[in-house]
Amino acid sequence: MRTTTLLIVLAGALAADETRKIDPIRIPAIVELNNKTCPVQGDEITGDDHVDWNGVRVRLCCPDCKPMFLKEPEAALGKLGLKVVKDGDKVVIDLANTTCPIMNKPVKEGVTGDVDGIRFHYCCEGCDKKVKKDPAAALKKLGYGYIPSVVDLRNAECPMSGKAVKEGVFADKDGIRVHFCCPNCPKAFEKDPAATFAKLGVDPKALKESVR
């Protein structure tokens, strides 16, 4: 009975994926460094140019700086006071903060914790649990921004109109990103997200657990 039920659920999910062209992928959390100076050329940041690298968003002074940053990311991040720690294929960005983001006290040597590939330094062991519970608040205290991880449905068809989605028009809800054809559709989605997820054949909780 369980096998039959599972097959029915999978068949329904596959059908939804086929008709709505859903191809879920997890987008990792991003820490916005909010740097005011370009770490490549040293110029003041005046536009929206940036590069995302191993969980951090670095603001740049111009598009030409992106390839230069990617050529020597460790050196560029070092100019911003950050360190790159490598362990095999794993890369951790060490914030090298000297003040604990929880207690506002000087950090203690060797007391650290990693959250989404970002290393924090603390004044005591207990602070790590609080940062893992609310990384956004901890990062804000250190002057950084935070964009939580989401599962992007990458749906090609708008669940509201059935039309092709437009690039850059999307909304995040319950950790799920849905794309739409126009700015009005996200507003309708916000009013009744459950109905939209139902149209797409998506169970937010189950999807987030399955897409790692």
N, C-alpha and C. Protein backbone atom coordinates (compact mmCIF):
# COMPACT_ATOMS: atom_id res chain seq x y z
N MET A 1 0.83 -1.21 0.00
CA MET A 1 0.00 0.00 0.00
C MET A 1 0.87 1.26 0.00
N ARG A 2 1.93 1.20 0.84
CA ARG A 2 2.81 2.35 0.90
C ARG A 2 3.51 2.59 -0.43
N THR A 3 3.93 1.49 -1.06
CA THR A 3 4.62 1.59 -2.35
C THR A 3 3.71 2.22 -3.39
N THR A 4 2.44 1.78 -3.41
CA THR A 4 1.47 2.31 -4.36
C THR A 4 1.26 3.80 -4.13
N THR A 5 1.13 4.19 -2.86
CA THR A 5 0.92 5.60 -2.52
C THR A 5 2.11 6.43 -2.95
N LEU A 6 3.31 5.92 -2.70
CA LEU A 6 4.53 6.63 -3.08
C LEU A 6 4.61 6.84 -4.58
N LEU A 7 4.24 5.79 -5.33
CA LEU A 7 4.28 5.90 -6.79
C LEU A 7 3.30 6.94 -7.29
N ILE A 8 2.13 7.00 -6.65
CA ILE A 8 1.12 7.98 -7.04
C ILE A 8 1.64 9.39 -6.78
N VAL A 9 2.28 9.59 -5.59
CA VAL A 9 2.81 10.90 -5.24
C VAL A 9 3.91 11.32 -6.21
N LEU A 10 4.80 10.38 -6.52
CA LEU A 10 5.88 10.67 -7.45
C LEU A 10 5.36 10.98 -8.85
N ALA A 11 4.35 10.20 -9.26
CA ALA A 11 3.77 10.43 -10.58
C ALA A 11 3.15 11.82 -10.65
N GLY A 12 2.46 12.21 -9.54
CA GLY A 12 1.85 13.53 -9.51
C GLY A 12 2.89 14.63 -9.55
N ALA A 13 4.00 14.41 -8.81
CA ALA A 13 5.07 15.40 -8.79
C ALA A 13 5.72 15.53 -10.16
N LEU A 14 5.95 14.40 -10.82
CA LEU A 14 6.55 14.43 -12.15
C LEU A 14 5.64 15.10 -13.16
N ALA A 15 4.34 14.85 -13.03
CA ALA A 15 3.38 15.47 -13.94
C ALA A 15 3.39 16.97 -13.76
N ALA A 16 3.43 17.42 -12.47
CA ALA A 16 3.47 18.86 -12.20
C ALA A 16 4.73 19.47 -12.76
N ASP A 17 5.87 18.78 -12.58
CA ASP A 17 7.13 19.28 -13.10
C ASP A 17 7.08 19.41 -14.62
N GLU A 18 6.44 18.43 -15.26
CA GLU A 18 6.41 18.43 -16.72
C GLU A 18 5.52 19.54 -17.26
N THR A 19 4.33 19.70 -16.66
CA THR A 19 3.40 20.70 -17.18
C THR A 19 3.82 22.11 -16.82
N ARG A 20 4.39 22.28 -15.62
CA ARG A 20 4.79 23.61 -15.19
C ARG A 20 6.28 23.89 -15.43
N LYS A 21 7.01 22.86 -15.86
CA LYS A 21 8.43 23.00 -16.14
C LYS A 21 9.18 23.50 -14.92
N ILE A 22 9.00 22.80 -13.81
CA ILE A 22 9.69 23.13 -12.57
C ILE A 22 10.99 22.35 -12.49
N ASP A 23 12.04 23.06 -12.12
CA ASP A 23 13.35 22.41 -11.98
C ASP A 23 14.02 22.98 -10.72
N PRO A 24 13.59 22.55 -9.52
CA PRO A 24 14.05 23.15 -8.27
C PRO A 24 15.55 23.01 -8.04
N ILE A 25 16.11 24.07 -7.52
CA ILE A 25 17.52 24.07 -7.14
C ILE A 25 17.69 24.96 -5.92
N ARG A 26 18.56 24.56 -5.01
CA ARG A 26 18.78 25.38 -3.82
C ARG A 26 19.80 26.47 -4.10
N ILE A 27 19.43 27.70 -3.75
CA ILE A 27 20.34 28.83 -3.84
C ILE A 27 20.91 29.07 -2.44
N PRO A 28 22.20 28.94 -2.28
CA PRO A 28 22.81 29.10 -0.94
C PRO A 28 22.59 30.50 -0.37
N ALA A 29 22.69 30.59 0.95
CA ALA A 29 22.59 31.90 1.61
C ALA A 29 23.77 32.77 1.18
N ILE A 30 23.52 34.06 1.14
CA ILE A 30 24.56 35.01 0.74
C ILE A 30 24.75 36.06 1.83
N VAL A 31 25.99 36.32 2.19
CA VAL A 31 26.32 37.39 3.12
C VAL A 31 26.75 38.60 2.31
N GLU A 32 26.03 39.70 2.47
CA GLU A 32 26.37 40.93 1.77
C GLU A 32 27.39 41.70 2.60
N LEU A 33 28.57 41.88 2.05
CA LEU A 33 29.63 42.54 2.81
C LEU A 33 29.42 44.04 2.95
N ASN A 34 28.60 44.61 2.06
CA ASN A 34 28.29 46.05 2.13
C ASN A 34 29.54 46.93 2.11
N ASN A 35 30.58 46.45 1.42
CA ASN A 35 31.81 47.24 1.36
C ASN A 35 31.62 48.52 0.54
N LYS A 36 32.18 49.60 1.05
CA LYS A 36 32.05 50.90 0.40
C LYS A 36 33.16 51.17 -0.61
N THR A 37 34.24 50.37 -0.51
CA THR A 37 35.39 50.55 -1.39
C THR A 37 35.64 49.27 -2.17
N CYS A 38 35.93 49.38 -3.44
CA CYS A 38 36.20 48.22 -4.28
C CYS A 38 37.51 47.57 -3.85
N PRO A 39 37.50 46.26 -3.54
CA PRO A 39 38.73 45.59 -3.10
C PRO A 39 39.70 45.29 -4.25
N VAL A 40 39.28 45.57 -5.47
CA VAL A 40 40.15 45.32 -6.62
C VAL A 40 40.94 46.57 -6.99
N GLN A 41 40.22 47.68 -7.18
CA GLN A 41 40.89 48.91 -7.61
C GLN A 41 40.96 49.98 -6.53
N GLY A 42 40.22 49.76 -5.44
CA GLY A 42 40.27 50.73 -4.35
C GLY A 42 39.37 51.94 -4.53
N ASP A 43 38.56 51.94 -5.59
CA ASP A 43 37.68 53.08 -5.85
C ASP A 43 36.40 52.99 -5.01
N GLU A 44 35.74 54.12 -4.85
CA GLU A 44 34.48 54.17 -4.11
C GLU A 44 33.38 53.47 -4.90
N ILE A 45 32.51 52.75 -4.19
CA ILE A 45 31.39 52.05 -4.83
C ILE A 45 30.27 53.05 -5.09
N THR A 46 29.86 53.15 -6.34
CA THR A 46 28.78 54.09 -6.68
C THR A 46 27.61 53.39 -7.39
N GLY A 47 27.83 52.18 -7.89
CA GLY A 47 26.76 51.47 -8.61
C GLY A 47 26.36 50.18 -7.93
N ASP A 48 25.76 49.27 -8.70
CA ASP A 48 25.26 48.00 -8.16
C ASP A 48 26.11 46.81 -8.60
N ASP A 49 27.28 47.04 -9.17
CA ASP A 49 28.12 45.94 -9.61
C ASP A 49 28.61 45.12 -8.41
N HIS A 50 28.58 43.80 -8.56
CA HIS A 50 29.03 42.94 -7.47
C HIS A 50 29.39 41.56 -8.01
N VAL A 51 29.98 40.76 -7.15
CA VAL A 51 30.30 39.39 -7.49
C VAL A 51 29.99 38.53 -6.27
N ASP A 52 29.38 37.37 -6.50
CA ASP A 52 29.10 36.41 -5.43
C ASP A 52 30.14 35.31 -5.48
N TRP A 53 30.78 35.07 -4.35
CA TRP A 53 31.84 34.06 -4.31
C TRP A 53 31.80 33.32 -2.98
N ASN A 54 31.54 32.02 -3.04
CA ASN A 54 31.54 31.16 -1.86
C ASN A 54 30.74 31.74 -0.69
N GLY A 55 29.53 32.21 -1.00
CA GLY A 55 28.62 32.65 0.06
C GLY A 55 28.73 34.09 0.48
N VAL A 56 29.60 34.87 -0.19
CA VAL A 56 29.68 36.30 0.15
C VAL A 56 29.46 37.13 -1.11
N ARG A 57 28.83 38.27 -0.95
CA ARG A 57 28.61 39.20 -2.05
C ARG A 57 29.53 40.40 -1.87
N VAL A 58 30.42 40.58 -2.82
CA VAL A 58 31.40 41.66 -2.77
C VAL A 58 31.00 42.74 -3.77
N ARG A 59 30.88 43.95 -3.30
CA ARG A 59 30.52 45.05 -4.17
C ARG A 59 31.77 45.56 -4.90
N LEU A 60 31.58 45.87 -6.18
CA LEU A 60 32.69 46.30 -7.03
C LEU A 60 32.39 47.67 -7.64
N CYS A 61 33.44 48.35 -8.10
CA CYS A 61 33.24 49.69 -8.66
C CYS A 61 32.81 49.65 -10.12
N CYS A 62 33.06 48.52 -10.81
CA CYS A 62 32.69 48.43 -12.22
C CYS A 62 32.69 46.96 -12.67
N PRO A 63 32.04 46.64 -13.78
CA PRO A 63 31.99 45.26 -14.26
C PRO A 63 33.36 44.66 -14.56
N ASP A 64 34.33 45.51 -14.95
CA ASP A 64 35.66 45.01 -15.30
C ASP A 64 36.39 44.39 -14.11
N CYS A 65 35.94 44.73 -12.90
CA CYS A 65 36.62 44.22 -11.70
C CYS A 65 36.24 42.77 -11.38
N LYS A 66 35.14 42.29 -11.94
CA LYS A 66 34.71 40.92 -11.62
C LYS A 66 35.74 39.88 -12.02
N PRO A 67 36.21 39.86 -13.29
CA PRO A 67 37.20 38.85 -13.65
C PRO A 67 38.50 39.00 -12.86
N MET A 68 38.84 40.23 -12.50
CA MET A 68 40.06 40.45 -11.73
C MET A 68 39.90 39.93 -10.30
N PHE A 69 38.70 40.09 -9.76
CA PHE A 69 38.42 39.55 -8.42
C PHE A 69 38.51 38.02 -8.44
N LEU A 70 37.87 37.41 -9.43
CA LEU A 70 37.84 35.95 -9.52
C LEU A 70 39.22 35.35 -9.76
N LYS A 71 40.12 36.16 -10.28
CA LYS A 71 41.49 35.69 -10.52
C LYS A 71 42.24 35.57 -9.19
N GLU A 72 41.99 36.51 -8.28
CA GLU A 72 42.66 36.50 -6.98
C GLU A 72 41.68 36.88 -5.86
N PRO A 73 40.69 36.02 -5.61
CA PRO A 73 39.66 36.34 -4.61
C PRO A 73 40.20 36.45 -3.19
N GLU A 74 41.17 35.63 -2.84
CA GLU A 74 41.70 35.67 -1.48
C GLU A 74 42.37 37.00 -1.18
N ALA A 75 43.12 37.51 -2.14
CA ALA A 75 43.80 38.79 -1.96
C ALA A 75 42.79 39.92 -1.83
N ALA A 76 41.74 39.87 -2.66
CA ALA A 76 40.71 40.91 -2.63
C ALA A 76 39.96 40.90 -1.30
N LEU A 77 39.59 39.71 -0.82
CA LEU A 77 38.87 39.61 0.44
C LEU A 77 39.76 40.02 1.61
N GLY A 78 41.04 39.75 1.47
CA GLY A 78 41.99 40.16 2.51
C GLY A 78 41.99 41.66 2.70
N LYS A 79 41.80 42.41 1.61
CA LYS A 79 41.75 43.87 1.69
C LYS A 79 40.52 44.34 2.48
N LEU A 80 39.52 43.47 2.56
CA LEU A 80 38.29 43.80 3.30
C LEU A 80 38.33 43.25 4.72
N GLY A 81 39.47 42.68 5.09
CA GLY A 81 39.62 42.18 6.46
C GLY A 81 39.13 40.77 6.66
N LEU A 82 38.86 40.05 5.58
CA LEU A 82 38.37 38.68 5.68
C LEU A 82 39.47 37.69 5.31
N LYS A 83 39.33 36.48 5.79
CA LYS A 83 40.29 35.43 5.48
C LYS A 83 39.59 34.26 4.81
N VAL A 84 40.28 33.59 3.91
CA VAL A 84 39.75 32.42 3.24
C VAL A 84 40.43 31.19 3.81
N VAL A 85 39.62 30.29 4.38
CA VAL A 85 40.15 29.07 4.99
C VAL A 85 39.74 27.90 4.11
N LYS A 86 40.72 27.14 3.65
CA LYS A 86 40.45 26.00 2.77
C LYS A 86 40.71 24.69 3.48
N ASP A 87 39.76 23.75 3.31
CA ASP A 87 39.90 22.40 3.86
C ASP A 87 39.50 21.43 2.75
N GLY A 88 40.47 21.05 1.92
CA GLY A 88 40.14 20.23 0.75
C GLY A 88 39.36 21.07 -0.24
N ASP A 89 38.18 20.58 -0.64
CA ASP A 89 37.33 21.32 -1.57
C ASP A 89 36.45 22.34 -0.85
N LYS A 90 36.41 22.28 0.47
CA LYS A 90 35.56 23.17 1.25
C LYS A 90 36.24 24.51 1.47
N VAL A 91 35.47 25.58 1.28
CA VAL A 91 35.99 26.94 1.49
C VAL A 91 35.13 27.63 2.54
N VAL A 92 35.78 28.18 3.55
CA VAL A 92 35.09 28.91 4.61
C VAL A 92 35.60 30.34 4.61
N ILE A 93 34.68 31.30 4.66
CA ILE A 93 35.06 32.70 4.73
C ILE A 93 35.07 33.12 6.20
N ASP A 94 36.24 33.45 6.69
CA ASP A 94 36.42 33.85 8.08
C ASP A 94 36.23 35.36 8.19
N LEU A 95 35.22 35.78 8.96
CA LEU A 95 34.96 37.21 9.11
C LEU A 95 36.04 37.91 9.92
N ALA A 96 36.79 37.12 10.69
CA ALA A 96 37.88 37.66 11.51
C ALA A 96 37.40 38.80 12.41
N ASN A 97 36.15 38.69 12.88
CA ASN A 97 35.60 39.73 13.75
C ASN A 97 36.27 39.70 15.13
N THR A 98 36.52 40.85 15.68
CA THR A 98 37.18 40.95 16.99
C THR A 98 36.19 41.19 18.13
N THR A 99 34.94 41.49 17.76
CA THR A 99 33.88 41.68 18.75
C THR A 99 32.81 40.62 18.56
N CYS A 100 32.37 40.00 19.63
CA CYS A 100 31.35 38.96 19.55
C CYS A 100 30.02 39.56 19.10
N PRO A 101 29.37 38.99 18.08
CA PRO A 101 28.11 39.55 17.58
C PRO A 101 26.92 39.30 18.51
N ILE A 102 27.13 38.54 19.57
CA ILE A 102 26.05 38.28 20.52
C ILE A 102 26.20 39.09 21.80
N MET A 103 27.37 39.03 22.40
CA MET A 103 27.59 39.69 23.69
C MET A 103 28.30 41.04 23.58
N ASN A 104 28.75 41.38 22.37
CA ASN A 104 29.47 42.64 22.15
C ASN A 104 30.74 42.74 22.99
N LYS A 105 31.32 41.60 23.31
CA LYS A 105 32.57 41.55 24.07
C LYS A 105 33.71 41.14 23.14
N PRO A 106 34.96 41.38 23.56
CA PRO A 106 36.09 40.92 22.74
C PRO A 106 36.04 39.41 22.57
N VAL A 107 36.36 38.93 21.40
CA VAL A 107 36.32 37.49 21.15
C VAL A 107 37.46 36.79 21.85
N LYS A 108 37.28 35.48 22.07
CA LYS A 108 38.31 34.67 22.71
C LYS A 108 38.98 33.81 21.65
N GLU A 109 40.28 33.74 21.71
CA GLU A 109 41.05 32.99 20.72
C GLU A 109 40.60 31.52 20.64
N GLY A 110 40.34 31.07 19.41
CA GLY A 110 39.96 29.67 19.19
C GLY A 110 38.49 29.36 19.35
N VAL A 111 37.70 30.34 19.79
CA VAL A 111 36.26 30.12 19.96
C VAL A 111 35.55 30.61 18.70
N THR A 112 35.24 29.68 17.81
CA THR A 112 34.63 30.03 16.53
C THR A 112 33.47 29.09 16.20
N GLY A 113 32.73 29.44 15.17
CA GLY A 113 31.65 28.59 14.68
C GLY A 113 31.35 28.95 13.24
N ASP A 114 30.99 27.94 12.43
CA ASP A 114 30.70 28.16 11.01
C ASP A 114 29.21 28.05 10.73
N VAL A 115 28.69 29.01 10.02
CA VAL A 115 27.28 29.02 9.63
C VAL A 115 27.21 29.30 8.14
N ASP A 116 26.70 28.34 7.36
CA ASP A 116 26.59 28.51 5.90
C ASP A 116 27.92 28.91 5.26
N GLY A 117 29.00 28.31 5.74
CA GLY A 117 30.30 28.59 5.14
C GLY A 117 30.95 29.88 5.59
N ILE A 118 30.38 30.52 6.63
CA ILE A 118 30.91 31.76 7.18
C ILE A 118 31.39 31.50 8.61
N ARG A 119 32.61 31.91 8.92
CA ARG A 119 33.17 31.67 10.26
C ARG A 119 33.07 32.91 11.14
N PHE A 120 32.42 32.71 12.29
CA PHE A 120 32.28 33.77 13.29
C PHE A 120 33.24 33.49 14.45
N HIS A 121 33.66 34.56 15.11
CA HIS A 121 34.46 34.42 16.33
C HIS A 121 33.62 34.91 17.50
N TYR A 122 33.73 34.22 18.65
CA TYR A 122 32.88 34.51 19.80
C TYR A 122 33.67 34.72 21.08
N CYS A 123 32.94 35.22 22.07
CA CYS A 123 33.55 35.41 23.39
C CYS A 123 33.41 34.15 24.24
N CYS A 124 32.43 33.29 23.88
CA CYS A 124 32.23 32.04 24.61
C CYS A 124 31.50 31.04 23.71
N GLU A 125 31.52 29.78 24.10
CA GLU A 125 30.95 28.70 23.28
C GLU A 125 29.45 28.86 23.02
N GLY A 126 28.71 29.35 23.99
CA GLY A 126 27.26 29.43 23.87
C GLY A 126 26.75 30.36 22.79
N CYS A 127 27.57 31.30 22.36
CA CYS A 127 27.13 32.29 21.37
C CYS A 127 26.88 31.67 20.00
N ASP A 128 27.57 30.57 19.71
CA ASP A 128 27.44 29.93 18.40
C ASP A 128 26.00 29.48 18.14
N LYS A 129 25.34 28.94 19.16
CA LYS A 129 23.97 28.46 19.01
C LYS A 129 23.02 29.60 18.65
N LYS A 130 23.23 30.75 19.25
CA LYS A 130 22.37 31.90 19.00
C LYS A 130 22.55 32.43 17.58
N VAL A 131 23.79 32.40 17.10
CA VAL A 131 24.04 32.87 15.73
C VAL A 131 23.42 31.92 14.71
N LYS A 132 23.50 30.62 14.97
CA LYS A 132 22.91 29.64 14.06
C LYS A 132 21.39 29.79 14.01
N LYS A 133 20.81 30.22 15.12
CA LYS A 133 19.36 30.42 15.18
C LYS A 133 18.93 31.65 14.40
N ASP A 134 19.76 32.70 14.41
CA ASP A 134 19.41 33.94 13.71
C ASP A 134 20.68 34.59 13.15
N PRO A 135 21.23 34.03 12.07
CA PRO A 135 22.47 34.59 11.49
C PRO A 135 22.30 36.02 10.99
N ALA A 136 21.10 36.36 10.52
CA ALA A 136 20.87 37.71 9.99
C ALA A 136 21.12 38.77 11.05
N ALA A 137 20.63 38.53 12.27
CA ALA A 137 20.79 39.50 13.35
C ALA A 137 22.26 39.64 13.73
N ALA A 138 22.98 38.52 13.78
CA ALA A 138 24.40 38.55 14.14
C ALA A 138 25.21 39.30 13.08
N LEU A 139 24.92 39.02 11.82
CA LEU A 139 25.64 39.68 10.73
C LEU A 139 25.36 41.18 10.69
N LYS A 140 24.12 41.55 11.01
CA LYS A 140 23.76 42.97 11.03
C LYS A 140 24.60 43.72 12.05
N LYS A 141 24.82 43.09 13.21
CA LYS A 141 25.63 43.73 14.25
C LYS A 141 27.06 43.96 13.79
N LEU A 142 27.51 43.10 12.87
CA LEU A 142 28.87 43.23 12.36
C LEU A 142 28.94 44.09 11.10
N GLY A 143 27.78 44.63 10.70
CA GLY A 143 27.76 45.53 9.54
C GLY A 143 27.49 44.87 8.21
N TYR A 144 27.07 43.61 8.25
CA TYR A 144 26.82 42.87 7.02
C TYR A 144 25.33 42.63 6.81
N GLY A 145 24.97 42.33 5.57
CA GLY A 145 23.60 41.95 5.25
C GLY A 145 23.51 40.45 5.06
N TYR A 146 22.29 39.95 4.92
CA TYR A 146 22.12 38.50 4.81
C TYR A 146 20.91 38.17 3.92
N ILE A 147 21.15 37.34 2.92
CA ILE A 147 20.07 36.85 2.06
C ILE A 147 19.94 35.36 2.33
N PRO A 148 18.83 34.93 2.96
CA PRO A 148 18.67 33.52 3.33
C PRO A 148 18.65 32.59 2.11
N SER A 149 19.00 31.35 2.35
CA SER A 149 18.93 30.33 1.31
C SER A 149 17.48 30.08 0.91
N VAL A 150 17.24 29.85 -0.37
CA VAL A 150 15.90 29.54 -0.85
C VAL A 150 15.97 28.41 -1.87
N VAL A 151 14.85 27.73 -2.04
CA VAL A 151 14.75 26.74 -3.11
C VAL A 151 14.05 27.44 -4.28
N ASP A 152 14.79 27.63 -5.35
CA ASP A 152 14.26 28.30 -6.54
C ASP A 152 13.57 27.25 -7.42
N LEU A 153 12.26 27.42 -7.63
CA LEU A 153 11.52 26.46 -8.47
C LEU A 153 11.97 26.51 -9.92
N ARG A 154 12.51 27.64 -10.33
CA ARG A 154 12.93 27.84 -11.74
C ARG A 154 11.80 27.47 -12.70
N ASN A 155 10.57 27.84 -12.29
CA ASN A 155 9.41 27.57 -13.14
C ASN A 155 9.43 28.48 -14.36
N ALA A 156 9.19 27.91 -15.52
CA ALA A 156 9.21 28.66 -16.78
C ALA A 156 7.85 29.28 -17.08
N GLU A 157 6.82 28.79 -16.39
CA GLU A 157 5.46 29.25 -16.64
C GLU A 157 4.88 29.91 -15.40
N CYS A 158 4.29 31.08 -15.56
CA CYS A 158 3.69 31.82 -14.45
C CYS A 158 2.48 31.04 -13.90
N PRO A 159 2.44 30.76 -12.60
CA PRO A 159 1.31 30.01 -12.04
C PRO A 159 0.01 30.80 -12.02
N MET A 160 0.09 32.10 -12.24
CA MET A 160 -1.11 32.94 -12.23
C MET A 160 -1.75 33.03 -13.61
N SER A 161 -0.92 33.29 -14.63
CA SER A 161 -1.45 33.54 -15.97
C SER A 161 -1.20 32.40 -16.96
N GLY A 162 -0.23 31.55 -16.64
CA GLY A 162 0.13 30.49 -17.58
C GLY A 162 1.08 30.97 -18.65
N LYS A 163 1.47 32.26 -18.58
CA LYS A 163 2.38 32.82 -19.57
C LYS A 163 3.84 32.54 -19.17
N ALA A 164 4.74 32.79 -20.11
CA ALA A 164 6.16 32.62 -19.83
C ALA A 164 6.60 33.64 -18.78
N VAL A 165 7.45 33.23 -17.86
CA VAL A 165 7.90 34.13 -16.81
C VAL A 165 8.87 35.16 -17.38
N LYS A 166 8.99 36.27 -16.66
CA LYS A 166 9.88 37.35 -17.07
C LYS A 166 11.08 37.37 -16.14
N GLU A 167 12.26 37.53 -16.69
CA GLU A 167 13.49 37.52 -15.90
C GLU A 167 13.46 38.62 -14.82
N GLY A 168 13.80 38.23 -13.61
CA GLY A 168 13.87 39.19 -12.51
C GLY A 168 12.57 39.41 -11.79
N VAL A 169 11.48 38.80 -12.25
CA VAL A 169 10.18 38.96 -11.57
C VAL A 169 9.90 37.69 -10.78
N PHE A 170 10.10 37.77 -9.47
CA PHE A 170 9.90 36.59 -8.62
C PHE A 170 9.56 37.04 -7.20
N ALA A 171 9.15 36.09 -6.39
CA ALA A 171 8.86 36.36 -4.98
C ALA A 171 9.26 35.14 -4.16
N ASP A 172 9.74 35.40 -2.94
CA ASP A 172 10.14 34.32 -2.03
C ASP A 172 9.12 34.21 -0.91
N LYS A 173 8.72 32.97 -0.63
CA LYS A 173 7.77 32.73 0.46
C LYS A 173 8.04 31.36 1.07
N ASP A 174 8.16 31.32 2.38
CA ASP A 174 8.42 30.06 3.08
C ASP A 174 9.66 29.36 2.54
N GLY A 175 10.66 30.16 2.13
CA GLY A 175 11.91 29.57 1.65
C GLY A 175 11.84 29.03 0.23
N ILE A 176 10.77 29.38 -0.50
CA ILE A 176 10.59 28.93 -1.88
C ILE A 176 10.51 30.14 -2.80
N ARG A 177 11.24 30.12 -3.91
CA ARG A 177 11.21 31.21 -4.89
C ARG A 177 10.35 30.82 -6.10
N VAL A 178 9.37 31.66 -6.41
CA VAL A 178 8.47 31.43 -7.54
C VAL A 178 8.62 32.58 -8.53
N HIS A 179 8.68 32.25 -9.82
CA HIS A 179 8.84 33.26 -10.86
C HIS A 179 7.50 33.57 -11.53
N PHE A 180 7.36 34.83 -11.99
CA PHE A 180 6.09 35.29 -12.55
C PHE A 180 6.29 36.05 -13.86
N CYS A 181 5.17 36.34 -14.53
CA CYS A 181 5.22 37.00 -15.84
C CYS A 181 5.21 38.52 -15.74
N CYS A 182 4.72 39.07 -14.62
CA CYS A 182 4.62 40.52 -14.48
C CYS A 182 4.61 40.91 -13.00
N PRO A 183 4.82 42.18 -12.69
CA PRO A 183 4.89 42.63 -11.29
C PRO A 183 3.59 42.44 -10.50
N ASN A 184 2.47 42.33 -11.17
CA ASN A 184 1.19 42.18 -10.47
C ASN A 184 1.00 40.78 -9.88
N CYS A 185 1.58 39.79 -10.53
CA CYS A 185 1.38 38.40 -10.08
C CYS A 185 1.98 38.10 -8.71
N PRO A 186 3.16 38.62 -8.37
CA PRO A 186 3.68 38.37 -7.03
C PRO A 186 2.77 38.90 -5.93
N LYS A 187 2.06 40.00 -6.22
CA LYS A 187 1.13 40.56 -5.24
C LYS A 187 -0.01 39.58 -4.96
N ALA A 188 -0.51 38.96 -6.02
CA ALA A 188 -1.58 37.96 -5.86
C ALA A 188 -1.05 36.73 -5.12
N PHE A 189 0.19 36.39 -5.40
CA PHE A 189 0.84 35.25 -4.73
C PHE A 189 0.93 35.48 -3.23
N GLU A 190 1.29 36.70 -2.83
CA GLU A 190 1.44 37.03 -1.42
C GLU A 190 0.11 36.92 -0.67
N LYS A 191 -1.00 37.16 -1.37
CA LYS A 191 -2.31 37.09 -0.71
C LYS A 191 -2.71 35.66 -0.38
N ASP A 192 -2.32 34.71 -1.24
CA ASP A 192 -2.68 33.31 -1.01
C ASP A 192 -1.59 32.39 -1.55
N PRO A 193 -0.45 32.35 -0.86
CA PRO A 193 0.67 31.52 -1.34
C PRO A 193 0.34 30.04 -1.40
N ALA A 194 -0.50 29.56 -0.48
CA ALA A 194 -0.86 28.14 -0.45
C ALA A 194 -1.53 27.72 -1.75
N ALA A 195 -2.40 28.58 -2.28
CA ALA A 195 -3.10 28.27 -3.53
C ALA A 195 -2.13 28.19 -4.70
N THR A 196 -1.13 29.09 -4.69
CA THR A 196 -0.14 29.08 -5.77
C THR A 196 0.73 27.83 -5.70
N PHE A 197 1.14 27.47 -4.49
CA PHE A 197 1.95 26.25 -4.33
C PHE A 197 1.16 25.02 -4.78
N ALA A 198 -0.15 25.04 -4.51
CA ALA A 198 -1.01 23.92 -4.92
C ALA A 198 -1.06 23.81 -6.44
N LYS A 199 -1.15 24.96 -7.12
CA LYS A 199 -1.17 24.97 -8.58
C LYS A 199 0.11 24.37 -9.15
N LEU A 200 1.20 24.63 -8.44
CA LEU A 200 2.50 24.16 -8.90
C LEU A 200 2.81 22.74 -8.43
N GLY A 201 1.91 22.20 -7.61
CA GLY A 201 2.12 20.85 -7.09
C GLY A 201 3.27 20.79 -6.10
N VAL A 202 3.44 21.88 -5.32
CA VAL A 202 4.58 21.99 -4.40
C VAL A 202 4.14 21.96 -2.94
N ASP A 203 4.80 21.12 -2.16
CA ASP A 203 4.67 21.12 -0.71
C ASP A 203 5.95 21.78 -0.19
N PRO A 204 5.90 23.05 0.26
CA PRO A 204 7.10 23.78 0.65
C PRO A 204 8.01 23.04 1.62
N LYS A 205 7.43 22.48 2.66
CA LYS A 205 8.23 21.80 3.69
C LYS A 205 8.94 20.58 3.11
N ALA A 206 8.20 19.76 2.38
CA ALA A 206 8.79 18.55 1.80
C ALA A 206 9.85 18.90 0.75
N LEU A 207 9.59 19.95 -0.02
CA LEU A 207 10.54 20.33 -1.07
C LEU A 207 11.85 20.82 -0.47
N LYS A 208 11.77 21.64 0.59
CA LYS A 208 12.98 22.17 1.22
C LYS A 208 13.81 21.06 1.84
N GLU A 209 13.14 20.01 2.32
CA GLU A 209 13.86 18.89 2.92
C GLU A 209 14.52 18.02 1.86
N SER A 210 13.92 17.97 0.67
CA SER A 210 14.43 17.09 -0.38
C SER A 210 15.51 17.76 -1.25
N VAL A 211 15.45 19.10 -1.36
CA VAL A 211 16.43 19.82 -2.18
C VAL A 211 17.49 20.42 -1.27
N ARG A 212 18.63 19.79 -1.24
CA ARG A 212 19.72 20.24 -0.35
C ARG A 212 20.78 21.02 -1.11
